[in-house]
Amino acid sequence: MDRGVSYCYLGIDPGKSGGIALLARDEEVLTWKMPSSDKDLWEIIEALPLHTKGMLELVHSSPQMGVKSSFTFGQGFGKLQMALTAAEVSFEEVRPQAWIKGLSIPSKHKIEKPSVWKNRLREKAQKLYPRITVTLAIADALLIATFCKRSYLSK
């Protein structure tokens, strides 16, 4: 990595209820709920600053999802990959376990309800970024962007 270049850091939580977060050079934090149209997604991705490093959460469909939901989810993930590639944004795919561990977030307890877990992640993101209102839609993306920044700065 070129030490003379100032980077922006991008985190993407794919899925309909996910989000996108950008940690900009001037400490500005930009966030978006996951766009509902391809055009809106492309407008966000193509407008990213030069020298953006990104991480896209590597997720898979689950057995609880129906066939149509799984297909739609996979299409959305592929669109994110293609948009980042087309915009020439450098990105890595990161497993949830990696960014959660990397940010020292205690693991989800097996008996913990998904809503409790998601709120725990939102609270962590809110503590890291007290100047913005962190919603469930953008919490994971903010944490992934934070992990991205820390990962690149430690290289």
Foldseek 3Di string as FASTA:
>chain_A
DDPVDQEKFKFWEADQLAWIWICDRVRDIDIDQPDPDLVVVLVVQLPDDPRYEYEYEDDADDPVDDPVRRVVRVVRSVSNVVSNVVSVHHYYYHYPVVLCVLVVPDDDDPPDDPVVVLVSLQVVLCVVPVPDRGDSRYSNRSSRRVSRVVVVVVD
